Amino acid sequence: MKGTHLGELEEMILLVIANLDNNAYGLNIRNFIRQKCDRSVSISTVHSTIHRLENKGFLRSKYSHTNSPERGGRPKLLFTITSSGRDAIKATMELRNALWKTIPGLSFE
């Protein structure tokens, strides 16, 4: 497995896939990012990021059991987070939270 460091977009895509649960496929991931994160990313950027995450062992993919009429009858390629992927986003969250807490004079209470 490659390094466990997550870039910003990798982290975002892992979080989006977790949110989408069993309906995480390329176009749906891109649309979620546009709607919820107010960020525009191309479908090729989504796919290249997903490929990196799969190479790191953070995602797995499988084709849906049903054919999609809007895709000309082809099944969708769905993505799920592996346990290593969950560990990586948890570690990233913990690191970010620890860094936020060390900022002098900043309080969230």
PDB file of N, CA and C in Angstrom:
ATOM      1  N   MET A   1       0.853  -1.180   0.000  1.00  0.00           N
ATOM      2  CA  MET A   1       0.000   0.000   0.000  1.00  0.00           C
ATOM      3  C   MET A   1       0.891   1.233   0.000  1.00  0.00           C
ATOM      4  N   LYS A   2       0.519   2.215  -0.770  1.00  0.00           N
ATOM      5  CA  LYS A   2       1.251   3.470  -0.813  1.00  0.00           C
ATOM      6  C   LYS A   2       1.038   4.243   0.483  1.00  0.00           C
ATOM      7  N   GLY A   3       1.621   5.455   0.552  1.00  0.00           N
ATOM      8  CA  GLY A   3       1.516   6.293   1.731  1.00  0.00           C
ATOM      9  C   GLY A   3       0.085   6.562   2.159  1.00  0.00           C
ATOM     10  N   THR A   4      -0.055   6.895   3.413  1.00  0.00           N
ATOM     11  CA  THR A   4      -1.394   7.102   3.966  1.00  0.00           C
ATOM     12  C   THR A   4      -1.794   8.566   4.040  1.00  0.00           C
ATOM     13  N   HIS A   5      -0.913   9.468   3.628  1.00  0.00           N
ATOM     14  CA  HIS A   5      -1.246  10.887   3.644  1.00  0.00           C
ATOM     15  C   HIS A   5      -2.397  11.156   2.674  1.00  0.00           C
ATOM     16  N   LEU A   6      -3.332  11.997   3.117  1.00  0.00           N
ATOM     17  CA  LEU A   6      -4.457  12.381   2.259  1.00  0.00           C
ATOM     18  C   LEU A   6      -4.321  13.828   1.839  1.00  0.00           C
ATOM     19  N   GLY A   7      -4.423  14.078   0.537  1.00  0.00           N
ATOM     20  CA  GLY A   7      -4.524  15.442   0.047  1.00  0.00           C
ATOM     21  C   GLY A   7      -5.935  15.955   0.308  1.00  0.00           C
ATOM     22  N   GLU A   8      -6.136  17.245   0.123  1.00  0.00           N
ATOM     23  CA  GLU A   8      -7.445  17.849   0.400  1.00  0.00           C
ATOM     24  C   GLU A   8      -8.570  17.213  -0.421  1.00  0.00           C
ATOM     25  N   LEU A   9      -8.348  17.053  -1.720  1.00  0.00           N
ATOM     26  CA  LEU A   9      -9.398  16.477  -2.567  1.00  0.00           C
ATOM     27  C   LEU A   9      -9.612  15.002  -2.251  1.00  0.00           C
ATOM     28  N   GLU A  10      -8.542  14.280  -1.933  1.00  0.00           N
ATOM     29  CA  GLU A  10      -8.689  12.881  -1.538  1.00  0.00           C
ATOM     30  C   GLU A  10      -9.545  12.760  -0.280  1.00  0.00           C
ATOM     31  N   GLU A  11      -9.259  13.599   0.694  1.00  0.00           N
ATOM     32  CA  GLU A  11     -10.050  13.606   1.925  1.00  0.00           C
ATOM     33  C   GLU A  11     -11.517  13.925   1.620  1.00  0.00           C
ATOM     34  N   MET A  12     -11.744  14.943   0.807  1.00  0.00           N
ATOM     35  CA  MET A  12     -13.108  15.337   0.464  1.00  0.00           C
ATOM     36  C   MET A  12     -13.850  14.192  -0.226  1.00  0.00           C
ATOM     37  N   ILE A  13     -13.198  13.542  -1.167  1.00  0.00           N
ATOM     38  CA  ILE A  13     -13.861  12.460  -1.907  1.00  0.00           C
ATOM     39  C   ILE A  13     -14.152  11.275  -0.990  1.00  0.00           C
ATOM     40  N   LEU A  14     -13.241  10.945  -0.080  1.00  0.00           N
ATOM     41  CA  LEU A  14     -13.538   9.883   0.883  1.00  0.00           C
ATOM     42  C   LEU A  14     -14.751  10.243   1.732  1.00  0.00           C
ATOM     43  N   LEU A  15     -14.817  11.483   2.182  1.00  0.00           N
ATOM     44  CA  LEU A  15     -15.955  11.918   2.999  1.00  0.00           C
ATOM     45  C   LEU A  15     -17.256  11.898   2.198  1.00  0.00           C
ATOM     46  N   VAL A  16     -17.192  12.293   0.944  1.00  0.00           N
ATOM     47  CA  VAL A  16     -18.383  12.272   0.086  1.00  0.00           C
ATOM     48  C   VAL A  16     -18.853  10.837  -0.132  1.00  0.00           C
ATOM     49  N   ILE A  17     -17.919   9.935  -0.390  1.00  0.00           N
ATOM     50  CA  ILE A  17     -18.293   8.528  -0.592  1.00  0.00           C
ATOM     51  C   ILE A  17     -18.930   7.966   0.676  1.00  0.00           C
ATOM     52  N   ALA A  18     -18.408   8.341   1.829  1.00  0.00           N
ATOM     53  CA  ALA A  18     -19.024   7.908   3.086  1.00  0.00           C
ATOM     54  C   ALA A  18     -20.446   8.453   3.200  1.00  0.00           C
ATOM     55  N   ASN A  19     -20.659   9.691   2.795  1.00  0.00           N
ATOM     56  CA  ASN A  19     -21.989  10.297   2.828  1.00  0.00           C
ATOM     57  C   ASN A  19     -22.954   9.628   1.869  1.00  0.00           C
ATOM     58  N   LEU A  20     -22.466   9.273   0.689  1.00  0.00           N
ATOM     59  CA  LEU A  20     -23.333   8.683  -0.339  1.00  0.00           C
ATOM     60  C   LEU A  20     -23.626   7.211  -0.087  1.00  0.00           C
ATOM     61  N   ASP A  21     -22.882   6.602   0.813  1.00  0.00           N
ATOM     62  CA  ASP A  21     -23.095   5.218   1.232  1.00  0.00           C
ATOM     63  C   ASP A  21     -23.080   4.278   0.034  1.00  0.00           C
ATOM     64  N   ASN A  22     -24.176   3.656  -0.301  1.00  0.00           N
ATOM     65  CA  ASN A  22     -24.209   2.655  -1.374  1.00  0.00           C
ATOM     66  C   ASN A  22     -24.534   3.252  -2.743  1.00  0.00           C
ATOM     67  N   ASN A  23     -24.494   4.564  -2.871  1.00  0.00           N
ATOM     68  CA  ASN A  23     -24.826   5.218  -4.129  1.00  0.00           C
ATOM     69  C   ASN A  23     -23.684   6.120  -4.604  1.00  0.00           C
ATOM     70  N   ALA A  24     -22.448   5.707  -4.296  1.00  0.00           N
ATOM     71  CA  ALA A  24     -21.277   6.513  -4.639  1.00  0.00           C
ATOM     72  C   ALA A  24     -20.690   6.052  -5.970  1.00  0.00           C
ATOM     73  N   TYR A  25     -20.958   6.815  -7.012  1.00  0.00           N
ATOM     74  CA  TYR A  25     -20.364   6.590  -8.329  1.00  0.00           C
ATOM     75  C   TYR A  25     -19.903   7.939  -8.850  1.00  0.00           C
ATOM     76  N   GLY A  26     -19.059   7.929  -9.863  1.00  0.00           N
ATOM     77  CA  GLY A  26     -18.366   9.139 -10.320  1.00  0.00           C
ATOM     78  C   GLY A  26     -19.205  10.389 -10.429  1.00  0.00           C
ATOM     79  N   LEU A  27     -20.266  10.344 -11.222  1.00  0.00           N
ATOM     80  CA  LEU A  27     -21.082  11.538 -11.447  1.00  0.00           C
ATOM     81  C   LEU A  27     -21.791  11.985 -10.172  1.00  0.00           C
ATOM     82  N   ASN A  28     -22.250  11.041  -9.383  1.00  0.00           N
ATOM     83  CA  ASN A  28     -22.921  11.375  -8.131  1.00  0.00           C
ATOM     84  C   ASN A  28     -21.950  12.028  -7.144  1.00  0.00           C
ATOM     85  N   ILE A  29     -20.715  11.553  -7.132  1.00  0.00           N
ATOM     86  CA  ILE A  29     -19.681  12.142  -6.275  1.00  0.00           C
ATOM     87  C   ILE A  29     -19.417  13.581  -6.709  1.00  0.00           C
ATOM     88  N   ARG A  30     -19.246  13.790  -8.019  1.00  0.00           N
ATOM     89  CA  ARG A  30     -18.997  15.145  -8.531  1.00  0.00           C
ATOM     90  C   ARG A  30     -20.162  16.085  -8.193  1.00  0.00           C
ATOM     91  N   ASN A  31     -21.384  15.629  -8.385  1.00  0.00           N
ATOM     92  CA  ASN A  31     -22.554  16.468  -8.092  1.00  0.00           C
ATOM     93  C   ASN A  31     -22.660  16.798  -6.608  1.00  0.00           C
ATOM     94  N   PHE A  32     -22.350  15.850  -5.749  1.00  0.00           N
ATOM     95  CA  PHE A  32     -22.376  16.087  -4.302  1.00  0.00           C
ATOM     96  C   PHE A  32     -21.370  17.181  -3.935  1.00  0.00           C
ATOM     97  N   ILE A  33     -20.166  17.093  -4.508  1.00  0.00           N
ATOM     98  CA  ILE A  33     -19.136  18.106  -4.230  1.00  0.00           C
ATOM     99  C   ILE A  33     -19.610  19.480  -4.687  1.00  0.00           C
ATOM    100  N   ARG A  34     -20.226  19.549  -5.845  1.00  0.00           N
ATOM    101  CA  ARG A  34     -20.737  20.835  -6.348  1.00  0.00           C
ATOM    102  C   ARG A  34     -21.809  21.398  -5.420  1.00  0.00           C
ATOM    103  N   GLN A  35     -22.739  20.557  -4.995  1.00  0.00           N
ATOM    104  CA  GLN A  35     -23.872  21.024  -4.199  1.00  0.00           C
ATOM    105  C   GLN A  35     -23.493  21.331  -2.755  1.00  0.00           C
ATOM    106  N   LYS A  36     -22.777  20.430  -2.116  1.00  0.00           N
ATOM    107  CA  LYS A  36     -22.505  20.558  -0.677  1.00  0.00           C
ATOM    108  C   LYS A  36     -21.233  21.334  -0.362  1.00  0.00           C
ATOM    109  N   CYS A  37     -20.265  21.314  -1.270  1.00  0.00           N
ATOM    110  CA  CYS A  37     -18.974  21.952  -1.001  1.00  0.00           C
ATOM    111  C   CYS A  37     -18.777  23.219  -1.808  1.00  0.00           C
ATOM    112  N   ASP A  38     -19.726  23.516  -2.701  1.00  0.00           N
ATOM    113  CA  ASP A  38     -19.651  24.681  -3.570  1.00  0.00           C
ATOM    114  C   ASP A  38     -18.305  24.748  -4.285  1.00  0.00           C
ATOM    115  N   ARG A  39     -17.927  23.605  -4.830  1.00  0.00           N
ATOM    116  CA  ARG A  39     -16.644  23.485  -5.522  1.00  0.00           C
ATOM    117  C   ARG A  39     -16.870  22.732  -6.820  1.00  0.00           C
ATOM    118  N   SER A  40     -16.296  23.223  -7.873  1.00  0.00           N
ATOM    119  CA  SER A  40     -16.458  22.592  -9.179  1.00  0.00           C
ATOM    120  C   SER A  40     -15.239  21.732  -9.487  1.00  0.00           C
ATOM    121  N   VAL A  41     -15.489  20.443  -9.747  1.00  0.00           N
ATOM    122  CA  VAL A  41     -14.420  19.538 -10.151  1.00  0.00           C
ATOM    123  C   VAL A  41     -14.887  18.780 -11.387  1.00  0.00           C
ATOM    124  N   SER A  42     -13.962  18.484 -12.260  1.00  0.00           N
ATOM    125  CA  SER A  42     -14.317  17.733 -13.466  1.00  0.00           C
ATOM    126  C   SER A  42     -14.460  16.255 -13.112  1.00  0.00           C
ATOM    127  N   ILE A  43     -15.184  15.539 -13.950  1.00  0.00           N
ATOM    128  CA  ILE A  43     -15.362  14.113 -13.727  1.00  0.00           C
ATOM    129  C   ILE A  43     -14.024  13.388 -13.855  1.00  0.00           C
ATOM    130  N   SER A  44     -13.142  13.869 -14.719  1.00  0.00           N
ATOM    131  CA  SER A  44     -11.822  13.226 -14.847  1.00  0.00           C
ATOM    132  C   SER A  44     -10.988  13.429 -13.583  1.00  0.00           C
ATOM    133  N   THR A  45     -11.122  14.569 -12.932  1.00  0.00           N
ATOM    134  CA  THR A  45     -10.428  14.810 -11.668  1.00  0.00           C
ATOM    135  C   THR A  45     -10.957  13.875 -10.588  1.00  0.00           C
ATOM    136  N   VAL A  46     -12.276  13.693 -10.554  1.00  0.00           N
ATOM    137  CA  VAL A  46     -12.875  12.759  -9.597  1.00  0.00           C
ATOM    138  C   VAL A  46     -12.317  11.361  -9.831  1.00  0.00           C
ATOM    139  N   HIS A  47     -12.310  10.920 -11.091  1.00  0.00           N
ATOM    140  CA  HIS A  47     -11.846   9.566 -11.392  1.00  0.00           C
ATOM    141  C   HIS A  47     -10.361   9.374 -11.104  1.00  0.00           C
ATOM    142  N   SER A  48      -9.537  10.362 -11.400  1.00  0.00           N
ATOM    143  CA  SER A  48      -8.100  10.212 -11.122  1.00  0.00           C
ATOM    144  C   SER A  48      -7.847  10.174  -9.610  1.00  0.00           C
ATOM    145  N   THR A  49      -8.608  10.954  -8.857  1.00  0.00           N
ATOM    146  CA  THR A  49      -8.474  10.940  -7.401  1.00  0.00           C
ATOM    147  C   THR A  49      -8.934   9.598  -6.837  1.00  0.00           C
ATOM    148  N   ILE A  50     -10.045   9.086  -7.355  1.00  0.00           N
ATOM    149  CA  ILE A  50     -10.538   7.771  -6.937  1.00  0.00           C
ATOM    150  C   ILE A  50      -9.485   6.700  -7.230  1.00  0.00           C
ATOM    151  N   HIS A  51      -8.851   6.789  -8.388  1.00  0.00           N
ATOM    152  CA  HIS A  51      -7.821   5.813  -8.755  1.00  0.00           C
ATOM    153  C   HIS A  51      -6.667   5.842  -7.745  1.00  0.00           C
ATOM    154  N   ARG A  52      -6.224   7.048  -7.349  1.00  0.00           N
ATOM    155  CA  ARG A  52      -5.167   7.169  -6.345  1.00  0.00           C
ATOM    156  C   ARG A  52      -5.606   6.544  -5.016  1.00  0.00           C
ATOM    157  N   LEU A  53      -6.854   6.802  -4.626  1.00  0.00           N
ATOM    158  CA  LEU A  53      -7.359   6.265  -3.364  1.00  0.00           C
ATOM    159  C   LEU A  53      -7.458   4.735  -3.404  1.00  0.00           C
ATOM    160  N   GLU A  54      -7.824   4.200  -4.554  1.00  0.00           N
ATOM    161  CA  GLU A  54      -7.847   2.733  -4.700  1.00  0.00           C
ATOM    162  C   GLU A  54      -6.430   2.164  -4.594  1.00  0.00           C
ATOM    163  N   ASN A  55      -5.459   2.835  -5.223  1.00  0.00           N
ATOM    164  CA  ASN A  55      -4.067   2.381  -5.147  1.00  0.00           C
ATOM    165  C   ASN A  55      -3.530   2.416  -3.723  1.00  0.00           C
ATOM    166  N   LYS A  56      -4.013   3.352  -2.919  1.00  0.00           N
ATOM    167  CA  LYS A  56      -3.608   3.441  -1.517  1.00  0.00           C
ATOM    168  C   LYS A  56      -4.337   2.414  -0.649  1.00  0.00           C
ATOM    169  N   GLY A  57      -5.338   1.769  -1.210  1.00  0.00           N
ATOM    170  CA  GLY A  57      -6.097   0.773  -0.459  1.00  0.00           C
ATOM    171  C   GLY A  57      -7.241   1.350   0.343  1.00  0.00           C
ATOM    172  N   PHE A  58      -7.630   2.600   0.049  1.00  0.00           N
ATOM    173  CA  PHE A  58      -8.669   3.280   0.819  1.00  0.00           C
ATOM    174  C   PHE A  58     -10.069   3.086   0.247  1.00  0.00           C
ATOM    175  N   LEU A  59     -10.160   2.647  -0.990  1.00  0.00           N
ATOM    176  CA  LEU A  59     -11.449   2.422  -1.647  1.00  0.00           C
ATOM    177  C   LEU A  59     -11.447   1.062  -2.329  1.00  0.00           C
ATOM    178  N   ARG A  60     -12.654   0.553  -2.517  1.00  0.00           N
ATOM    179  CA  ARG A  60     -12.828  -0.608  -3.392  1.00  0.00           C
ATOM    180  C   ARG A  60     -14.002  -0.280  -4.300  1.00  0.00           C
ATOM    181  N   SER A  61     -14.019  -0.907  -5.457  1.00  0.00           N
ATOM    182  CA  SER A  61     -15.073  -0.641  -6.422  1.00  0.00           C
ATOM    183  C   SER A  61     -15.724  -1.937  -6.859  1.00  0.00           C
ATOM    184  N   LYS A  62     -16.983  -1.822  -7.267  1.00  0.00           N
ATOM    185  CA  LYS A  62     -17.710  -2.956  -7.835  1.00  0.00           C
ATOM    186  C   LYS A  62     -18.822  -2.394  -8.710  1.00  0.00           C
ATOM    187  N   TYR A  63     -19.229  -3.181  -9.678  1.00  0.00           N
ATOM    188  CA  TYR A  63     -20.326  -2.763 -10.538  1.00  0.00           C
ATOM    189  C   TYR A  63     -21.654  -3.061  -9.865  1.00  0.00           C
ATOM    190  N   SER A  64     -22.616  -2.161 -10.069  1.00  0.00           N
ATOM    191  CA  SER A  64     -23.949  -2.356  -9.506  1.00  0.00           C
ATOM    192  C   SER A  64     -24.584  -3.589 -10.134  1.00  0.00           C
ATOM    193  N   HIS A  65     -25.533  -4.161  -9.425  1.00  0.00           N
ATOM    194  CA  HIS A  65     -26.212  -5.361  -9.908  1.00  0.00           C
ATOM    195  C   HIS A  65     -27.271  -5.039 -10.953  1.00  0.00           C
ATOM    196  N   THR A  66     -27.650  -3.767 -11.032  1.00  0.00           N
ATOM    197  CA  THR A  66     -28.698  -3.391 -11.979  1.00  0.00           C
ATOM    198  C   THR A  66     -28.112  -2.527 -13.086  1.00  0.00           C
ATOM    199  N   ASN A  67     -28.682  -2.643 -14.258  1.00  0.00           N
ATOM    200  CA  ASN A  67     -28.267  -1.810 -15.380  1.00  0.00           C
ATOM    201  C   ASN A  67     -28.944  -0.458 -15.267  1.00  0.00           C
ATOM    202  N   SER A  68     -28.271   0.563 -15.731  1.00  0.00           N
ATOM    203  CA  SER A  68     -28.754   1.927 -15.619  1.00  0.00           C
ATOM    204  C   SER A  68     -29.273   2.422 -16.975  1.00  0.00           C
ATOM    205  N   PRO A  69     -30.586   2.695 -17.077  1.00  0.00           N
ATOM    206  CA  PRO A  69     -31.132   3.161 -18.359  1.00  0.00           C
ATOM    207  C   PRO A  69     -30.474   4.449 -18.854  1.00  0.00           C
ATOM    208  N   GLU A  70     -30.143   5.366 -17.917  1.00  0.00           N
ATOM    209  CA  GLU A  70     -29.531   6.633 -18.332  1.00  0.00           C
ATOM    210  C   GLU A  70     -28.093   6.431 -18.814  1.00  0.00           C
ATOM    211  N   ARG A  71     -27.529   5.256 -18.581  1.00  0.00           N
ATOM    212  CA  ARG A  71     -26.172   4.946 -19.048  1.00  0.00           C
ATOM    213  C   ARG A  71     -26.203   3.949 -20.196  1.00  0.00           C
ATOM    214  N   GLY A  72     -27.315   3.880 -20.896  1.00  0.00           N
ATOM    215  CA  GLY A  72     -27.418   2.975 -22.036  1.00  0.00           C
ATOM    216  C   GLY A  72     -27.441   1.513 -21.637  1.00  0.00           C
ATOM    217  N   GLY A  73     -27.935   1.249 -20.434  1.00  0.00           N
ATOM    218  CA  GLY A  73     -28.038  -0.125 -19.959  1.00  0.00           C
ATOM    219  C   GLY A  73     -26.793  -0.647 -19.265  1.00  0.00           C
ATOM    220  N   ARG A  74     -25.750   0.178 -19.170  1.00  0.00           N
ATOM    221  CA  ARG A  74     -24.521  -0.264 -18.498  1.00  0.00           C
ATOM    222  C   ARG A  74     -24.665  -0.091 -16.986  1.00  0.00           C
ATOM    223  N   PRO A  75     -24.079  -0.986 -16.204  1.00  0.00           N
ATOM    224  CA  PRO A  75     -24.130  -0.822 -14.744  1.00  0.00           C
ATOM    225  C   PRO A  75     -23.199   0.302 -14.292  1.00  0.00           C
ATOM    226  N   LYS A  76     -23.479   0.844 -13.108  1.00  0.00           N
ATOM    227  CA  LYS A  76     -22.636   1.895 -12.527  1.00  0.00           C
ATOM    228  C   LYS A  76     -21.493   1.251 -11.752  1.00  0.00           C
ATOM    229  N   LEU A  77     -20.343   1.917 -11.751  1.00  0.00           N
ATOM    230  CA  LEU A  77     -19.218   1.488 -10.940  1.00  0.00           C
ATOM    231  C   LEU A  77     -19.342   2.200  -9.595  1.00  0.00           C
ATOM    232  N   LEU A  78     -19.613   1.439  -8.552  1.00  0.00           N
ATOM    233  CA  LEU A  78     -19.852   1.989  -7.219  1.00  0.00           C
ATOM    234  C   LEU A  78     -18.602   1.865  -6.361  1.00  0.00           C
ATOM    235  N   PHE A  79     -18.408   2.836  -5.465  1.00  0.00           N
ATOM    236  CA  PHE A  79     -17.231   2.868  -4.610  1.00  0.00           C
ATOM    237  C   PHE A  79     -17.633   2.801  -3.148  1.00  0.00           C
ATOM    238  N   THR A  80     -16.829   2.073  -2.373  1.00  0.00           N
ATOM    239  CA  THR A  80     -17.012   2.008  -0.926  1.00  0.00           C
ATOM    240  C   THR A  80     -15.651   2.204  -0.264  1.00  0.00           C
ATOM    241  N   ILE A  81     -15.698   2.693   0.960  1.00  0.00           N
ATOM    242  CA  ILE A  81     -14.475   2.932   1.723  1.00  0.00           C
ATOM    243  C   ILE A  81     -14.069   1.647   2.433  1.00  0.00           C
ATOM    244  N   THR A  82     -12.794   1.348   2.384  1.00  0.00           N
ATOM    245  CA  THR A  82     -12.263   0.197   3.110  1.00  0.00           C
ATOM    246  C   THR A  82     -12.012   0.593   4.567  1.00  0.00           C
ATOM    247  N   SER A  83     -11.669  -0.383   5.391  1.00  0.00           N
ATOM    248  CA  SER A  83     -11.354  -0.065   6.788  1.00  0.00           C
ATOM    249  C   SER A  83     -10.101   0.817   6.857  1.00  0.00           C
ATOM    250  N   SER A  84      -9.163   0.617   5.946  1.00  0.00           N
ATOM    251  CA  SER A  84      -7.973   1.490   5.894  1.00  0.00           C
ATOM    252  C   SER A  84      -8.363   2.913   5.526  1.00  0.00           C
ATOM    253  N   GLY A  85      -9.334   3.062   4.637  1.00  0.00           N
ATOM    254  CA  GLY A  85      -9.823   4.389   4.271  1.00  0.00           C
ATOM    255  C   GLY A  85     -10.493   5.078   5.442  1.00  0.00           C
ATOM    256  N   ARG A  86     -11.281   4.340   6.202  1.00  0.00           N
ATOM    257  CA  ARG A  86     -11.921   4.903   7.406  1.00  0.00           C
ATOM    258  C   ARG A  86     -10.868   5.323   8.424  1.00  0.00           C
ATOM    259  N   ASP A  87      -9.847   4.500   8.580  1.00  0.00           N
ATOM    260  CA  ASP A  87      -8.753   4.850   9.498  1.00  0.00           C
ATOM    261  C   ASP A  87      -8.046   6.122   9.045  1.00  0.00           C
ATOM    262  N   ALA A  88      -7.853   6.259   7.733  1.00  0.00           N
ATOM    263  CA  ALA A  88      -7.153   7.434   7.200  1.00  0.00           C
ATOM    264  C   ALA A  88      -7.954   8.718   7.421  1.00  0.00           C
ATOM    265  N   ILE A  89      -9.273   8.684   7.192  1.00  0.00           N
ATOM    266  CA  ILE A  89     -10.039   9.921   7.406  1.00  0.00           C
ATOM    267  C   ILE A  89     -10.174  10.230   8.896  1.00  0.00           C
ATOM    268  N   LYS A  90     -10.207   9.192   9.720  1.00  0.00           N
ATOM    269  CA  LYS A  90     -10.248   9.431  11.171  1.00  0.00           C
ATOM    270  C   LYS A  90      -8.938  10.058  11.645  1.00  0.00           C
ATOM    271  N   ALA A  91      -7.809   9.537  11.166  1.00  0.00           N
ATOM    272  CA  ALA A  91      -6.508  10.090  11.541  1.00  0.00           C
ATOM    273  C   ALA A  91      -6.367  11.529  11.064  1.00  0.00           C
ATOM    274  N   THR A  92      -6.858  11.820   9.863  1.00  0.00           N
ATOM    275  CA  THR A  92      -6.809  13.186   9.332  1.00  0.00           C
ATOM    276  C   THR A  92      -7.656  14.117  10.184  1.00  0.00           C
ATOM    277  N   MET A  93      -8.855  13.670  10.568  1.00  0.00           N
ATOM    278  CA  MET A  93      -9.725  14.483  11.419  1.00  0.00           C
ATOM    279  C   MET A  93      -9.058  14.763  12.768  1.00  0.00           C
ATOM    280  N   GLU A  94      -8.470  13.729  13.363  1.00  0.00           N
ATOM    281  CA  GLU A  94      -7.818  13.904  14.660  1.00  0.00           C
ATOM    282  C   GLU A  94      -6.640  14.864  14.573  1.00  0.00           C
ATOM    283  N   LEU A  95      -5.854  14.766  13.502  1.00  0.00           N
ATOM    284  CA  LEU A  95      -4.727  15.672  13.319  1.00  0.00           C
ATOM    285  C   LEU A  95      -5.211  17.111  13.159  1.00  0.00           C
ATOM    286  N   ARG A  96      -6.215  17.305  12.310  1.00  0.00           N
ATOM    287  CA  ARG A  96      -6.738  18.661  12.107  1.00  0.00           C
ATOM    288  C   ARG A  96      -7.303  19.236  13.409  1.00  0.00           C
ATOM    289  N   ASN A  97      -8.062  18.429  14.144  1.00  0.00           N
ATOM    290  CA  ASN A  97      -8.628  18.903  15.415  1.00  0.00           C
ATOM    291  C   ASN A  97      -7.531  19.271  16.415  1.00  0.00           C
ATOM    292  N   ALA A  98      -6.482  18.457  16.469  1.00  0.00           N
ATOM    293  CA  ALA A  98      -5.374  18.749  17.372  1.00  0.00           C
ATOM    294  C   ALA A  98      -4.687  20.059  16.982  1.00  0.00           C
ATOM    295  N   LEU A  99      -4.519  20.300  15.685  1.00  0.00           N
ATOM    296  CA  LEU A  99      -3.892  21.540  15.226  1.00  0.00           C
ATOM    297  C   LEU A  99      -4.774  22.749  15.523  1.00  0.00           C
ATOM    298  N   TRP A 100      -6.093  22.607  15.335  1.00  0.00           N
ATOM    299  CA  TRP A 100      -7.003  23.710  15.635  1.00  0.00           C
ATOM    300  C   TRP A 100      -6.908  24.094  17.109  1.00  0.00           C
ATOM    301  N   LYS A 101      -6.790  23.111  17.981  1.00  0.00           N
ATOM    302  CA  LYS A 101      -6.768  23.362  19.425  1.00  0.00           C
ATOM    303  C   LYS A 101      -5.499  24.062  19.876  1.00  0.00           C
ATOM    304  N   THR A 102      -4.447  24.043  19.057  1.00  0.00           N
ATOM    305  CA  THR A 102      -3.188  24.674  19.455  1.00  0.00           C
ATOM    306  C   THR A 102      -3.078  26.133  19.022  1.00  0.00           C
ATOM    307  N   ILE A 103      -4.062  26.653  18.320  1.00  0.00           N
ATOM    308  CA  ILE A 103      -4.008  28.040  17.877  1.00  0.00           C
ATOM    309  C   ILE A 103      -4.257  28.952  19.081  1.00  0.00           C
ATOM    310  N   PRO A 104      -3.291  29.802  19.415  1.00  0.00           N
ATOM    311  CA  PRO A 104      -3.448  30.678  20.576  1.00  0.00           C
ATOM    312  C   PRO A 104      -4.618  31.657  20.400  1.00  0.00           C
ATOM    313  N   GLY A 105      -5.404  31.785  21.447  1.00  0.00           N
ATOM    314  CA  GLY A 105      -6.486  32.766  21.452  1.00  0.00           C
ATOM    315  C   GLY A 105      -7.713  32.374  20.648  1.00  0.00           C
ATOM    316  N   LEU A 106      -7.755  31.188  20.098  1.00  0.00           N
ATOM    317  CA  LEU A 106      -8.904  30.751  19.310  1.00  0.00           C
ATOM    318  C   LEU A 106      -9.746  29.798  20.144  1.00  0.00           C
ATOM    319  N   SER A 107     -11.007  30.133  20.280  1.00  0.00           N
ATOM    320  CA  SER A 107     -11.888  29.300  21.089  1.00  0.00           C
ATOM    321  C   SER A 107     -13.162  29.008  20.307  1.00  0.00           C
ATOM    322  N   PHE A 108     -13.652  27.787  20.427  1.00  0.00           N
ATOM    323  CA  PHE A 108     -14.886  27.377  19.745  1.00  0.00           C
ATOM    324  C   PHE A 108     -16.024  27.179  20.718  1.00  0.00           C
ATOM    325  N   GLU A 109     -15.873  27.628  21.916  1.00  0.00           N
ATOM    326  CA  GLU A 109     -16.934  27.424  22.928  1.00  0.00           C
ATOM    327  C   GLU A 109     -17.791  28.642  23.082  1.00  0.00           C
TER     328      GLU A 109
END
